[in-house]
């Protein structure tokens, strides 16, 4: 199983170009730490 822990930069960048689904295509499990989630969402 391919898994990745993401920081905010790729999430923000992929979101800006509406391509977040690329992560789902590349990895079976994506872990987003709580602090990263807050930075991206809030």
N, C-alpha and C. Protein backbone atom coordinates (compact mmCIF):
# COMPACT_ATOMS: atom_id res chain seq x y z
N UNK A 1 0.84 -1.18 0.00
CA UNK A 1 0.00 0.00 0.00
C UNK A 1 0.89 1.24 0.00
N UNK A 2 0.65 2.12 -0.96
CA UNK A 2 1.37 3.39 -0.99
C UNK A 2 0.65 4.39 -0.12
N UNK A 3 1.40 5.01 0.81
CA UNK A 3 0.79 6.05 1.63
C UNK A 3 1.72 7.24 1.73
N UNK A 4 1.15 8.38 2.05
CA UNK A 4 1.91 9.61 2.10
C UNK A 4 1.38 10.47 3.24
N UNK A 5 2.29 11.22 3.84
CA UNK A 5 1.91 12.24 4.82
C UNK A 5 2.14 13.57 4.14
N UNK A 6 1.08 14.37 4.06
CA UNK A 6 1.17 15.61 3.31
C UNK A 6 1.31 16.83 4.22
N UNK A 7 2.07 17.80 3.72
CA UNK A 7 2.08 19.10 4.39
C UNK A 7 1.13 20.01 3.62
N UNK A 8 1.05 21.26 3.99
CA UNK A 8 0.05 22.16 3.42
C UNK A 8 0.34 22.56 1.97
N UNK A 9 1.59 22.72 1.62
CA UNK A 9 1.93 23.26 0.29
C UNK A 9 1.34 22.48 -0.88
N UNK A 10 1.52 21.15 -0.95
CA UNK A 10 0.92 20.44 -2.08
C UNK A 10 -0.61 20.48 -2.06
N UNK A 11 -1.19 20.46 -0.88
CA UNK A 11 -2.65 20.52 -0.80
C UNK A 11 -3.18 21.84 -1.32
N UNK A 12 -2.55 22.92 -0.91
CA UNK A 12 -2.97 24.25 -1.36
C UNK A 12 -2.74 24.40 -2.86
N UNK A 13 -1.58 23.98 -3.32
CA UNK A 13 -1.26 24.11 -4.75
C UNK A 13 -2.20 23.29 -5.62
N UNK A 14 -2.42 22.04 -5.25
CA UNK A 14 -3.33 21.19 -6.03
C UNK A 14 -4.77 21.70 -5.97
N UNK A 15 -5.15 22.22 -4.84
CA UNK A 15 -6.49 22.78 -4.71
C UNK A 15 -6.66 24.00 -5.61
N UNK A 16 -5.65 24.83 -5.68
CA UNK A 16 -5.71 26.03 -6.52
C UNK A 16 -5.92 25.71 -7.99
N UNK A 17 -5.38 24.59 -8.43
CA UNK A 17 -5.55 24.20 -9.84
C UNK A 17 -6.62 23.10 -9.99
N UNK A 18 -7.38 22.90 -8.92
CA UNK A 18 -8.48 21.92 -8.91
C UNK A 18 -8.03 20.51 -9.31
N UNK A 19 -6.94 20.06 -8.71
CA UNK A 19 -6.38 18.75 -9.04
C UNK A 19 -6.07 17.91 -7.80
N UNK A 20 -6.82 18.09 -6.72
CA UNK A 20 -6.58 17.30 -5.51
C UNK A 20 -6.69 15.80 -5.75
N UNK A 21 -7.49 15.41 -6.73
CA UNK A 21 -7.69 13.98 -7.00
C UNK A 21 -6.40 13.28 -7.45
N UNK A 22 -5.41 14.04 -7.85
CA UNK A 22 -4.12 13.44 -8.22
C UNK A 22 -3.55 12.64 -7.05
N UNK A 23 -3.69 13.16 -5.84
CA UNK A 23 -3.19 12.44 -4.67
C UNK A 23 -3.88 11.09 -4.52
N UNK A 24 -5.19 11.05 -4.75
CA UNK A 24 -5.92 9.78 -4.65
C UNK A 24 -5.49 8.78 -5.71
N UNK A 25 -5.10 9.28 -6.86
CA UNK A 25 -4.64 8.39 -7.93
C UNK A 25 -3.25 7.83 -7.64
N UNK A 26 -2.43 8.60 -6.93
CA UNK A 26 -1.06 8.18 -6.66
C UNK A 26 -0.90 7.36 -5.38
N UNK A 27 -1.75 7.63 -4.39
CA UNK A 27 -1.59 7.00 -3.08
C UNK A 27 -2.88 6.37 -2.60
N UNK A 28 -2.76 5.23 -1.93
CA UNK A 28 -3.92 4.54 -1.40
C UNK A 28 -4.35 5.15 -0.06
N UNK A 29 -3.41 5.73 0.65
CA UNK A 29 -3.73 6.33 1.94
C UNK A 29 -3.02 7.68 2.03
N UNK A 30 -3.77 8.71 2.37
CA UNK A 30 -3.22 10.06 2.51
C UNK A 30 -3.45 10.51 3.94
N UNK A 31 -2.37 10.81 4.64
CA UNK A 31 -2.46 11.25 6.03
C UNK A 31 -2.21 12.75 6.06
N UNK A 32 -3.17 13.47 6.65
CA UNK A 32 -3.04 14.92 6.79
C UNK A 32 -3.07 15.23 8.28
N UNK A 33 -1.94 15.63 8.85
CA UNK A 33 -1.90 15.94 10.27
C UNK A 33 -2.88 17.08 10.61
N UNK A 34 -3.35 17.07 11.84
CA UNK A 34 -4.34 18.05 12.28
C UNK A 34 -3.88 19.50 12.04
N UNK A 35 -2.62 19.78 12.34
CA UNK A 35 -2.11 21.14 12.16
C UNK A 35 -2.14 21.55 10.68
N UNK A 36 -1.85 20.62 9.79
CA UNK A 36 -1.90 20.89 8.35
C UNK A 36 -3.35 21.13 7.93
N UNK A 37 -4.25 20.29 8.41
CA UNK A 37 -5.68 20.46 8.10
C UNK A 37 -6.15 21.85 8.49
N UNK A 38 -5.80 22.26 9.70
CA UNK A 38 -6.22 23.59 10.17
C UNK A 38 -5.64 24.70 9.30
N UNK A 39 -4.39 24.55 8.91
CA UNK A 39 -3.75 25.57 8.06
C UNK A 39 -4.43 25.67 6.70
N UNK A 40 -4.84 24.55 6.16
CA UNK A 40 -5.44 24.54 4.83
C UNK A 40 -6.91 24.96 4.86
N UNK A 41 -7.64 24.51 5.85
CA UNK A 41 -9.09 24.71 5.90
C UNK A 41 -9.49 26.02 6.56
N UNK A 42 -8.80 26.40 7.59
CA UNK A 42 -9.23 27.58 8.36
C UNK A 42 -8.68 28.87 7.82
